[in-house]
Structure formats: C-alpha cells, structure tokens
C-alpha cells in the first residue's frame, strides 16, 4: 500500500491525514492547535506541523501542504522572519487596499491585472501597510512567502528553493491569473522596493523531497480553498459552500474571472483551472459567539434556535463582528435590530443562525450572478455544518436543497490528493471514491433573507 500525507495548516490548527494513495481512504489523522490572533509568529506553524506529522512523515511516499491563504510572511536576506505574520483576517490594511486600487487605475483595472479588486485580506495590501506603518521592517524585506510556502519549505531537504502553486499565488494581489505569472512590479509598488517570490510549480508536478529516509516527494501545495475543491473533487456544475472561520462560496471555472465590483475574487485552482469565490470574514464564529453569550453549547444553541419561528419574531442580525469582506466593509460591526422586551433567548439564537445563512446566501448569489450559471449541486462542508439548526435553516434561506458532505478534513484530504498526483505523474489528479452526501431541503423563507437584506442596505453608508 502506498501512503500519502496531506497537511492543512489552517488559521486555527495543523491537521494531518495519512491516506491510501489508491482510493483516498484516510488511515490516520492528527491535529495540533495554533495560537489565536490575526498576527502570529510563523514558528508556531512549524512547531505544529512537526508535532502533527512526527509519526506519519516516515511512512509516506509523498506529501503536500495546504495553508490559509493571503498571510504575509516577510523574510530578510538571511532568511529570518522580519515580523509576525499578518493573517488573512487582519483588517488593519483596509485603507492600504483602497489606496492601491486607486493607484492601479481603479477597481476594474485592478481586477483585470490580478483577478481581484484588492481588499484588506490580500497579501499585497499588507505589504503596503508594512511600508507605511513599519518602514524599518519594510526596508528589511527581501522575500515574501505565504504560510503554506513556509511550511512546505520546512518539510523539504535543506537547500530546496522555496516554491508555491498558482492557486495560492493568485490570492496575493501580485499574481496575474489570466497570464499565469507573478507581477513583481505590483509587489514593488506596494512594498516600496523589489522582493523575491517563490518559484511556481505546475499542477501535478513534484516540487522537492523530504530530507528523511529515501526522501518522500513533496508536491507544490496550495491554498486551503483550492485544496478543499480538490478534496471534494469539485465539478464545474457544483458550488461549494465552506463554513469555517470564514464563509466561502466557490465554483470551478475553465476561464479566468475578472469582477470589477469586487464581489467575486478571480483565483486559480490547483488543477490548472480557476476557482472564483466570494468570501465572508464571519462564519462559524457567529454561532460560537452566540453560544458563549447565551451560556450554552452548540447542541443547545441549535435546540433554542429551532424552538423559535422563522424570522426570530422580528429579530435580525447583521453579523459583521470582525468587519466584512462580502460586502467589503472592513470597519463594520455587528448590528442587531428588532429587539423588544418580549424577545427571548430562542429568538436571539434563531437570529444568529439565520444571519449566518443569509450571509452565505449573499456569497452564493454573488458567485452565480457573476458566472451566469445555475449549479447542479450546492455542497456544504465545514465545522459549522454540524449545526442542526443551520442544516434546517440554510436550505430554507437559499431556497434550494443542499448536499451535506460527510464530515472529513477536506483541505487536508485535497492536499493528500495533490501529493498522490505528484507521485503518480498522471495528467489529472487521481479519482478517489467519494463518500455520499445527504440532501437536505426545506420550505423557502424569503422573508428572512429580505429582512436581513433591508438591514444590510440600511447600514451601507456606515462602516464602523
């Protein structure tokens, strides 16, 4: 049996899965937590991957690392990290993003150049923030990596030239998906001077080898959303709704997407195509926060929510607790309306679940509108999909059935599939046996989404 290792270096933890390369069966898995916060010492990721893979690495023939997108890992000429990495959910660079968009000729020109209208999340915005707020650190930057690039390098034999793939590169803001190349001029315009970037490895090609033993093949790795698409074996007729720390609606496309409105980011996928997506900053944490406020666990939160009627007796929530990306409101805050003396704990629980569902509906609507396609399936994955209340409310708010993929570490599984691809040398990634998904449907509740939309429109001019 040939074994491959898939690693998910996410915002919250490192997850590793040891997989049978022939059919995708997961044999063992490990998880090690990461520090909290929107900026992190990257050494924490390296310590976590060492702990998570210690007993798995010697047994694999190939491995790949998928990682949280956009994080800024800046190194000096000696290879030392200049400062703590700024993560995708750090919104301090929002004004820098707006400044760069104008410098590059406006939203449409920006989307044409790099596939996306810049927002605070993208790496290039963080480089401009560094130039303006920490000029001494900016002057030291000789090389810029993404989180998965650093972890991949760490697992390779010494002397391996740092590498990445077009999927994760397309989320930096200094890569052209349409031209399939880095834009070093745009990086320099943000940082104030030139800096090195990783070499690009083509889909399915090996990028290096580990130092241990005979040297396992190391694939290029990719961004977490790209790996999730690989792990789900996403087809062009599918929409994937991923509900984790962030909420993501994505759809595989054979053509690049350039959306000057900024609602959809035109990323590449990890298989040679494209992966346009609409992303929200607030997803599972909406339920986490509500459970904490009400002093209940998630099962009790679901029970409370389902005991209230659709519409939560008039209570509505705009859940932009950490600012928001879809729509682009980095300074926004959470906004409640409809609270009365008779409002119950059940109403509050229901409103939080409906707010998450409505936010995901917004993301899904943006993808379908820009691509002009009607999906055959809407697949749902992620930790928040375990919520019984969300499983009931989401299809009602979307007005369409959804397929609940069985619980699995799809990002790590996608990385493992990429590793098997690099090991096998075929033209396409291996076809693995897909676990059946459960369809969930419900009577549509358009009034719930409209109430949420009214609140969103009412606060359009206010960004914190």
Protein backbone atom coordinates (compact mmCIF):
# COMPACT_ATOMS: atom_id res chain seq x y z
CA UNK A 1 0.00 0.00 0.00
CA UNK A 2 1.34 3.41 -1.00
CA UNK A 3 0.64 6.13 1.55
CA UNK A 4 0.48 9.89 1.05
CA UNK A 5 0.27 12.65 3.64
CA UNK A 6 -1.95 15.71 3.40
CA UNK A 7 -1.39 18.68 5.71
CA UNK A 8 -3.82 21.52 6.39
CA UNK A 9 -2.01 24.43 8.06
CA UNK A 10 -5.12 26.48 8.80
CA UNK A 11 -5.82 29.56 10.87
CA UNK A 12 -6.74 27.50 13.91
CA UNK A 13 -4.61 24.36 13.73
CA UNK A 14 -2.44 21.97 11.76
CA UNK A 15 -4.27 18.85 10.63
CA UNK A 16 -2.53 15.92 9.01
CA UNK A 17 -4.12 12.89 7.33
CA UNK A 18 -2.36 9.72 6.19
CA UNK A 19 -4.17 8.38 3.14
CA UNK A 20 -4.11 5.35 0.86
CA UNK A 21 -2.97 6.82 -2.46
CA UNK A 22 -5.03 4.29 -4.43
CA UNK A 23 -8.52 5.22 -3.24
CA UNK A 24 -8.29 8.13 -0.75
CA UNK A 25 -9.09 6.11 2.37
CA UNK A 26 -7.97 8.03 5.46
CA UNK A 27 -5.99 5.71 7.72
CA UNK A 28 -4.82 8.06 10.46
CA UNK A 29 -5.08 11.75 11.32
CA UNK A 30 -3.58 14.21 13.78
CA UNK A 31 -4.36 17.78 14.90
CA UNK A 32 -2.27 20.38 16.77
CA UNK A 33 -3.68 23.85 17.63
CA UNK A 34 -2.26 27.20 16.51
CA UNK A 35 -2.14 30.41 18.56
CA UNK A 36 -5.13 32.71 18.29
CA UNK A 37 -4.97 36.20 16.82
CA UNK A 38 -4.71 37.94 13.47
CA UNK A 39 -0.92 38.05 13.59
CA UNK A 40 1.19 35.04 14.53
CA UNK A 41 4.84 34.07 14.88
CA UNK A 42 5.26 31.68 11.91
CA UNK A 43 7.45 29.40 14.02
CA UNK A 44 4.24 28.26 15.70
CA UNK A 45 3.12 26.69 12.40
CA UNK A 46 6.44 24.87 12.02
CA UNK A 47 6.29 23.52 15.56
CA UNK A 48 2.69 22.41 14.95
CA UNK A 49 3.45 20.60 11.70
CA UNK A 50 6.42 18.85 13.31
CA UNK A 51 4.19 17.63 16.14
CA UNK A 52 1.32 16.63 13.84
CA UNK A 53 3.45 14.71 11.32
CA UNK A 54 6.20 13.25 13.54
CA UNK A 55 5.00 9.63 13.34
CA UNK A 56 3.30 9.95 9.94
CA UNK A 57 6.04 11.51 7.82
CA UNK A 58 8.38 8.48 7.81
CA UNK A 59 5.57 6.31 6.43
CA UNK A 60 4.52 8.40 3.41
CA UNK A 61 5.79 8.29 -0.16
CA UNK A 62 4.61 11.82 -0.91
CA UNK A 63 3.13 14.78 0.91
CA UNK A 64 1.60 18.17 0.25
CA UNK A 65 0.73 21.20 2.39
CA UNK A 66 -2.40 23.32 2.01
CA UNK A 67 -2.49 26.52 4.02
CA UNK A 68 -4.53 29.53 4.99
CA UNK A 69 -4.48 31.99 2.12
CA UNK A 70 -3.06 35.52 1.96
CA UNK A 71 -0.94 35.55 5.14
CA UNK A 72 2.15 37.80 4.83
CA UNK A 73 5.40 36.03 5.75
CA UNK A 74 8.22 38.51 5.15
CA UNK A 75 11.88 37.43 5.38
CA UNK A 76 15.18 39.29 5.18
CA UNK A 77 18.31 38.45 3.15
CA UNK A 78 19.42 35.94 5.76
CA UNK A 79 16.07 34.13 5.66
CA UNK A 80 14.95 35.43 9.07
CA UNK A 81 11.30 36.39 9.50
CA UNK A 82 11.07 40.18 9.71
CA UNK A 83 7.93 40.36 11.87
CA UNK A 84 4.97 38.31 12.98
CA UNK A 85 2.89 37.17 10.02
CA UNK A 86 -0.24 39.19 9.30
CA UNK A 87 -3.10 36.78 8.62
CA UNK A 88 -5.95 36.96 6.13
CA UNK A 89 -8.41 38.17 8.78
CA UNK A 90 -6.30 41.13 9.90
CA UNK A 91 -8.19 44.16 8.56
CA UNK A 92 -5.72 46.92 9.56
CA UNK A 93 -4.65 47.06 5.88
CA UNK A 94 -8.11 48.09 4.58
CA UNK A 95 -7.09 51.68 3.80
CA UNK A 96 -3.92 50.39 2.13
CA UNK A 97 -6.05 48.21 -0.15
CA UNK A 98 -8.22 51.15 -1.18
CA UNK A 99 -5.11 53.26 -1.82
CA UNK A 100 -3.55 50.62 -4.06
CA UNK A 101 -6.76 50.12 -6.05
CA UNK A 102 -6.76 53.81 -6.91
CA UNK A 103 -3.04 53.81 -7.74
CA UNK A 104 -3.56 50.89 -10.10
CA UNK A 105 -6.31 52.67 -12.03
CA UNK A 106 -9.49 51.78 -10.15
CA UNK A 107 -11.44 48.59 -9.40
CA UNK A 108 -11.89 47.37 -12.97
CA UNK A 109 -8.22 47.84 -13.84
CA UNK A 110 -7.21 46.15 -10.61
CA UNK A 111 -9.42 43.13 -11.29
CA UNK A 112 -8.07 42.93 -14.83
CA UNK A 113 -4.47 42.93 -13.57
CA UNK A 114 -4.68 40.45 -10.69
CA UNK A 115 -8.13 38.86 -10.94
CA UNK A 116 -9.50 40.61 -7.85
CA UNK A 117 -10.27 44.05 -6.51
CA UNK A 118 -7.91 44.39 -3.57
CA UNK A 119 -9.26 44.10 -0.03
CA UNK A 120 -7.55 44.05 3.35
CA UNK A 121 -7.17 40.27 3.27
CA UNK A 122 -4.82 40.10 0.29
CA UNK A 123 -1.07 39.93 0.86
CA UNK A 124 -0.24 42.97 -1.24
CA UNK A 125 -2.42 45.19 0.96
CA UNK A 126 -0.49 44.03 4.00
CA UNK A 127 2.80 44.86 2.28
CA UNK A 128 1.61 48.43 1.70
CA UNK A 129 0.54 48.65 5.36
CA UNK A 130 4.02 47.47 6.35
CA UNK A 131 5.64 50.13 4.16
CA UNK A 132 3.57 52.90 5.70
CA UNK A 133 3.48 51.81 9.35
CA UNK A 134 6.73 49.89 9.88
CA UNK A 135 9.19 51.34 7.34
CA UNK A 136 12.24 49.86 9.06
CA UNK A 137 10.76 46.38 8.82
CA UNK A 138 9.63 47.01 5.24
CA UNK A 139 13.17 48.02 4.25
CA UNK A 140 14.48 44.65 5.52
CA UNK A 141 12.08 42.55 3.42
CA UNK A 142 13.93 40.59 0.75
CA UNK A 143 11.42 37.78 0.19
CA UNK A 144 7.67 37.34 0.64
CA UNK A 145 6.07 33.94 1.24
CA UNK A 146 2.62 32.62 2.01
CA UNK A 147 2.01 30.41 5.06
CA UNK A 148 1.91 27.16 3.09
CA UNK A 149 5.13 28.07 1.28
CA UNK A 150 6.97 28.34 4.59
CA UNK A 151 5.61 25.05 5.93
CA UNK A 152 6.41 23.25 2.66
CA UNK A 153 9.98 24.56 2.72
CA UNK A 154 10.33 23.43 6.33
CA UNK A 155 9.43 19.85 5.40
CA UNK A 156 11.84 19.71 2.44
CA UNK A 157 15.50 18.79 2.39
CA UNK A 158 17.85 21.70 3.17
CA UNK A 159 18.71 23.82 0.15
CA UNK A 160 15.37 23.33 -1.60
CA UNK A 161 14.37 26.55 -3.37
CA UNK A 162 11.13 27.86 -1.87
CA UNK A 163 8.11 27.12 -4.07
CA UNK A 164 4.36 27.63 -4.40
CA UNK A 165 1.48 26.95 -6.79
CA UNK A 166 -0.68 29.23 -8.91
CA UNK A 167 -3.72 28.64 -6.69
CA UNK A 168 -2.30 30.20 -3.54
CA UNK A 169 -0.25 32.71 -5.57
CA UNK A 170 -3.46 34.06 -7.11
CA UNK A 171 -4.55 35.31 -3.69
CA UNK A 172 -1.56 37.59 -3.16
CA UNK A 173 -2.58 40.55 -5.32
CA UNK A 174 0.72 40.45 -7.25
CA UNK A 175 -0.01 37.46 -9.50
CA UNK A 176 -1.94 37.51 -12.80
CA UNK A 177 -4.30 34.51 -13.10
CA UNK A 178 -5.06 35.36 -16.74
CA UNK A 179 -1.35 35.48 -17.66
CA UNK A 180 -0.27 32.81 -15.17
CA UNK A 181 2.68 34.83 -13.89
CA UNK A 182 3.92 36.89 -10.99
CA UNK A 183 3.60 40.68 -11.17
CA UNK A 184 6.78 41.78 -9.34
CA UNK A 185 6.10 45.36 -10.40
CA UNK A 186 2.90 45.38 -8.36
CA UNK A 187 4.62 43.87 -5.34
CA UNK A 188 7.28 46.58 -5.55
CA UNK A 189 4.65 49.30 -5.88
CA UNK A 190 3.13 48.16 -2.59
CA UNK A 191 6.28 47.45 -0.58
CA UNK A 192 8.39 50.27 -1.99
CA UNK A 193 11.09 48.01 -3.43
CA UNK A 194 11.52 44.65 -5.13
CA UNK A 195 11.41 41.37 -3.21
CA UNK A 196 11.77 37.73 -4.18
CA UNK A 197 8.77 35.42 -4.54
CA UNK A 198 8.63 31.60 -4.60
CA UNK A 199 9.12 29.67 -7.81
CA UNK A 200 5.89 28.44 -9.38
CA UNK A 201 5.35 24.69 -9.69
CA UNK A 202 2.92 23.47 -12.33
CA UNK A 203 -0.14 21.43 -11.27
CA UNK A 204 0.63 17.78 -10.60
CA UNK A 205 4.40 18.24 -10.63
CA UNK A 206 6.75 17.41 -7.72
CA UNK A 207 8.42 20.39 -6.08
CA UNK A 208 11.02 18.74 -3.86
CA UNK A 209 11.77 15.90 -1.48
CA UNK A 210 11.95 15.46 2.26
CA UNK A 211 15.29 15.00 3.97
CA UNK A 212 14.30 11.90 5.94
CA UNK A 213 14.81 8.37 4.65
CA UNK A 214 14.68 7.89 0.88
CA UNK A 215 13.12 11.32 0.52
CA UNK A 216 9.36 11.47 0.02
CA UNK A 217 8.07 13.53 -2.89
CA UNK A 218 6.79 16.96 -1.85
CA UNK A 219 4.08 18.48 -4.05
CA UNK A 220 3.67 22.21 -4.58
CA UNK A 221 0.91 22.60 -2.00
CA UNK A 222 -1.82 25.19 -2.43
CA UNK A 223 -4.28 27.44 -0.64
CA UNK A 224 -6.86 25.95 1.68
CA UNK A 225 -9.83 26.73 -0.56
CA UNK A 226 -8.09 25.23 -3.58
CA UNK A 227 -7.28 22.11 -1.59
CA UNK A 228 -10.88 21.82 -0.40
CA UNK A 229 -12.02 21.83 -4.04
CA UNK A 230 -9.55 19.02 -4.76
CA UNK A 231 -10.63 17.11 -1.67
CA UNK A 232 -14.30 17.42 -2.65
CA UNK A 233 -13.44 16.52 -6.28
CA UNK A 234 -15.50 19.55 -7.23
CA UNK A 235 -17.04 19.55 -10.71
CA UNK A 236 -17.80 22.59 -12.86
CA UNK A 237 -21.53 22.18 -12.12
CA UNK A 238 -21.00 22.27 -8.35
CA UNK A 239 -20.94 25.15 -5.89
CA UNK A 240 -19.05 24.57 -2.68
CA UNK A 241 -20.12 26.38 0.48
CA UNK A 242 -17.40 26.06 3.10
CA UNK A 243 -18.41 27.23 6.56
CA UNK A 244 -15.39 27.50 8.81
CA UNK A 245 -13.69 30.52 10.35
CA UNK A 246 -14.66 32.25 7.11
CA UNK A 247 -17.54 31.51 4.78
CA UNK A 248 -16.62 30.71 1.18
CA UNK A 249 -18.74 30.13 -1.91
CA UNK A 250 -16.62 28.79 -4.78
CA UNK A 251 -17.13 27.24 -8.19
CA UNK A 252 -14.62 25.70 -10.59
CA UNK A 253 -14.35 27.56 -13.90
CA UNK A 254 -12.36 26.78 -17.06
CA UNK A 255 -11.93 30.52 -17.72
CA UNK A 256 -10.46 33.32 -15.58
CA UNK A 257 -12.91 35.69 -13.90
CA UNK A 258 -12.38 39.43 -13.57
CA UNK A 259 -15.06 41.13 -11.45
CA UNK A 260 -14.64 44.88 -11.19
CA UNK A 261 -17.30 45.10 -8.49
CA UNK A 262 -15.02 43.21 -6.12
CA UNK A 263 -17.77 40.82 -5.04
CA UNK A 264 -16.02 37.80 -6.58
CA UNK A 265 -12.29 37.12 -6.45
CA UNK A 266 -10.82 35.55 -9.58
CA UNK A 267 -8.47 32.97 -8.10
CA UNK A 268 -6.82 29.99 -9.78
CA UNK A 269 -7.47 26.44 -8.65
CA UNK A 270 -4.85 23.76 -8.01
CA UNK A 271 -5.61 21.70 -11.11
CA UNK A 272 -4.92 24.13 -13.94
CA UNK A 273 -8.27 25.92 -13.99
CA UNK A 274 -9.80 28.73 -11.98
CA UNK A 275 -11.69 29.00 -8.72
CA UNK A 276 -13.71 32.22 -8.45
CA UNK A 277 -15.04 32.69 -4.96
CA UNK A 278 -16.94 35.03 -2.70
CA UNK A 279 -15.67 35.15 0.87
CA UNK A 280 -17.10 36.32 4.17
CA UNK A 281 -14.93 37.04 7.22
CA UNK A 282 -17.62 35.94 9.67
CA UNK A 283 -18.98 32.41 9.62
CA UNK A 284 -18.66 29.76 12.35
CA UNK A 285 -17.67 32.39 14.89
CA UNK A 286 -21.19 33.86 14.63
CA UNK A 287 -22.50 30.70 16.25
CA UNK A 288 -19.53 30.44 18.62
CA UNK A 289 -20.17 33.95 19.92
CA UNK A 290 -23.90 33.43 20.28
CA UNK A 291 -23.41 30.20 22.21
CA UNK A 292 -21.00 31.96 24.54
CA UNK A 293 -23.35 34.87 25.13
CA UNK A 294 -26.25 32.54 25.90
CA UNK A 295 -24.14 30.24 28.05
CA UNK A 296 -24.92 27.10 26.04
CA UNK A 297 -23.07 24.57 23.92
CA UNK A 298 -23.72 24.24 20.19
CA UNK A 299 -26.29 21.49 20.51
CA UNK A 300 -28.25 23.61 23.00
CA UNK A 301 -27.90 26.64 20.71
CA UNK A 302 -29.45 24.63 17.86
CA UNK A 303 -32.29 23.46 20.08
CA UNK A 304 -33.01 27.03 21.16
CA UNK A 305 -32.91 28.29 17.57
CA UNK A 306 -35.25 25.61 16.31
CA UNK A 307 -37.76 26.34 19.06
CA UNK A 308 -38.25 29.87 17.65
CA UNK A 309 -40.20 30.58 14.45
CA UNK A 310 -38.64 31.55 11.14
CA UNK A 311 -37.85 35.25 11.31
CA UNK A 312 -37.00 35.05 15.04
CA UNK A 313 -40.10 37.09 15.95
CA UNK A 314 -38.71 40.12 14.13
CA UNK A 315 -35.14 39.98 15.49
CA UNK A 316 -32.47 40.32 12.80
CA UNK A 317 -28.68 40.42 12.91
CA UNK A 318 -26.04 41.77 10.54
CA UNK A 319 -23.15 39.60 11.77
CA UNK A 320 -20.15 41.69 10.71
CA UNK A 321 -18.40 41.31 14.05
CA UNK A 322 -14.87 41.29 12.61
CA UNK A 323 -15.52 43.70 9.75
CA UNK A 324 -16.60 42.07 6.50
CA UNK A 325 -15.26 41.17 3.07
CA UNK A 326 -18.54 40.35 1.28
CA UNK A 327 -19.69 43.06 1.22
CA UNK A 328 -16.40 44.93 1.62
CA UNK A 329 -16.87 46.66 4.98
CA UNK A 330 -13.64 46.19 6.94
CA UNK A 331 -14.66 48.63 9.68
CA UNK A 332 -18.19 47.30 10.17
CA UNK A 333 -19.51 45.87 13.43
CA UNK A 334 -22.33 43.50 14.33
CA UNK A 335 -25.75 45.15 14.21
CA UNK A 336 -28.92 43.86 15.86
CA UNK A 337 -32.43 45.14 15.22
CA UNK A 338 -35.95 44.24 16.28
CA UNK A 339 -35.10 43.68 19.97
CA UNK A 340 -38.09 44.06 22.31
CA UNK A 341 -38.85 43.41 25.94
CA UNK A 342 -40.52 40.17 24.91
CA UNK A 343 -37.50 38.96 22.89
CA UNK A 344 -36.43 35.51 24.10
CA UNK A 345 -33.17 33.62 24.21
CA UNK A 346 -34.60 31.39 21.49
CA UNK A 347 -35.18 34.45 19.26
CA UNK A 348 -31.56 35.51 19.73
CA UNK A 349 -30.32 32.02 18.89
CA UNK A 350 -32.54 31.82 15.79
CA UNK A 351 -31.47 35.27 14.58
CA UNK A 352 -27.79 34.29 14.79
CA UNK A 353 -28.33 31.10 12.76
CA UNK A 354 -30.42 32.96 10.18
CA UNK A 355 -27.77 35.69 9.94
CA UNK A 356 -25.12 33.11 9.08
CA UNK A 357 -27.40 31.52 6.50
CA UNK A 358 -28.23 34.90 4.95
CA UNK A 359 -24.56 35.89 4.76
CA UNK A 360 -23.80 32.63 2.96
CA UNK A 361 -26.74 33.27 0.63
CA UNK A 362 -25.18 36.62 -0.27
CA UNK A 363 -21.88 34.93 -1.11
CA UNK A 364 -23.60 32.24 -3.17
CA UNK A 365 -25.67 34.83 -5.02
CA UNK A 366 -22.58 36.80 -6.00
CA UNK A 367 -20.88 33.73 -7.50
CA UNK A 368 -23.93 32.66 -9.50
CA UNK A 369 -24.59 36.19 -10.75
CA UNK A 370 -21.01 36.74 -11.98
CA UNK A 371 -20.62 33.33 -13.61
CA UNK A 372 -24.15 33.26 -15.04
CA UNK A 373 -24.53 29.60 -14.19
CA UNK A 374 -27.08 27.56 -12.30
CA UNK A 375 -25.45 24.82 -10.24
CA UNK A 376 -26.49 21.21 -10.34
CA UNK A 377 -25.45 20.80 -6.70
CA UNK A 378 -24.71 23.02 -3.69
CA UNK A 379 -22.28 21.14 -1.47
CA UNK A 380 -21.80 22.23 2.15
CA UNK A 381 -18.74 21.47 4.28
CA UNK A 382 -17.06 22.91 7.35
CA UNK A 383 -17.34 22.80 11.10
CA UNK A 384 -20.48 24.95 11.31
CA UNK A 385 -22.29 22.49 9.02
CA UNK A 386 -22.58 20.25 12.08
CA UNK A 387 -25.17 22.66 13.49
CA UNK A 388 -28.59 21.02 13.35
CA UNK A 389 -30.22 24.44 13.22
CA UNK A 390 -28.08 25.63 10.31
CA UNK A 391 -28.79 22.44 8.39
CA UNK A 392 -32.50 23.20 8.68
CA UNK A 393 -32.32 26.96 8.13
CA UNK A 394 -29.77 27.11 5.28
CA UNK A 395 -31.82 25.42 2.51
CA UNK A 396 -34.84 27.48 3.58
CA UNK A 397 -32.90 30.74 3.22
CA UNK A 398 -31.17 29.66 -0.01
CA UNK A 399 -34.47 28.48 -1.47
CA UNK A 400 -32.80 25.34 -2.79
CA UNK A 401 -31.71 21.95 -1.43
CA UNK A 402 -28.15 21.49 -0.24
CA UNK A 403 -25.96 18.42 -0.04
CA UNK A 404 -24.21 17.91 3.29
CA UNK A 405 -20.88 16.27 2.67
CA UNK A 406 -19.96 13.76 5.37
CA UNK A 407 -17.59 15.16 8.00
CA UNK A 408 -13.98 14.98 6.80
CA UNK A 409 -10.84 17.08 6.71
CA UNK A 410 -11.36 18.08 3.09
CA UNK A 411 -8.50 20.58 2.94
CA UNK A 412 -6.01 18.01 4.23
CA UNK A 413 -7.63 15.38 2.00
CA UNK A 414 -7.20 17.67 -1.01
CA UNK A 415 -3.54 18.13 -0.12
CA UNK A 416 -3.18 14.35 0.06
CA UNK A 417 -4.80 14.00 -3.37
CA UNK A 418 -2.34 16.57 -4.72
CA UNK A 419 0.53 14.56 -3.22
CA UNK A 420 -0.75 11.37 -4.89
CA UNK A 421 -0.99 13.28 -8.18
CA UNK A 422 2.62 14.47 -7.94
CA UNK A 423 3.73 10.95 -7.06
CA UNK A 424 1.85 9.25 -9.89
CA UNK A 425 2.83 11.65 -12.66
CA UNK A 426 -0.53 11.49 -14.46
CA UNK A 427 -2.18 14.32 -16.39
CA UNK A 428 -5.04 14.62 -13.89
CA UNK A 429 -5.34 14.08 -10.13
CA UNK A 430 -6.41 10.55 -9.14
CA UNK A 431 -10.13 9.81 -8.96
CA UNK A 432 -10.92 8.67 -5.45
CA UNK A 433 -14.09 7.11 -4.08
CA UNK A 434 -16.35 9.94 -2.91
CA UNK A 435 -18.46 9.43 0.19
CA UNK A 436 -22.19 10.01 -0.41
CA UNK A 437 -23.65 13.36 0.61
CA UNK A 438 -27.02 13.75 2.34
CA UNK A 439 -29.55 16.05 0.69
CA UNK A 440 -31.41 18.49 2.94
CA UNK A 441 -34.34 20.61 1.78
CA UNK A 442 -36.86 22.89 3.49
CA UNK A 443 -39.74 25.19 2.64
CA UNK A 444 -38.27 28.52 1.42
CA UNK A 445 -38.37 31.51 3.79
CA UNK A 446 -37.71 34.51 1.52
CA UNK A 447 -38.93 36.96 4.17
CA UNK A 448 -35.99 36.01 6.40
CA UNK A 449 -33.41 36.93 3.78
CA UNK A 450 -35.29 40.10 2.83
CA UNK A 451 -35.33 41.30 6.43
CA UNK A 452 -31.58 40.72 6.62
CA UNK A 453 -31.11 42.49 3.25
CA UNK A 454 -33.09 45.50 4.49
CA UNK A 455 -30.75 45.79 7.46
CA UNK A 456 -27.72 45.45 5.19
CA UNK A 457 -28.99 48.18 2.88
CA UNK A 458 -29.80 50.45 5.80
CA UNK A 459 -26.20 50.27 7.01
CA UNK A 460 -24.45 50.56 3.63
CA UNK A 461 -23.15 54.06 4.35
CA UNK A 462 -21.89 53.10 7.78
CA UNK A 463 -18.59 51.23 8.15
CA UNK A 464 -17.90 51.43 11.88
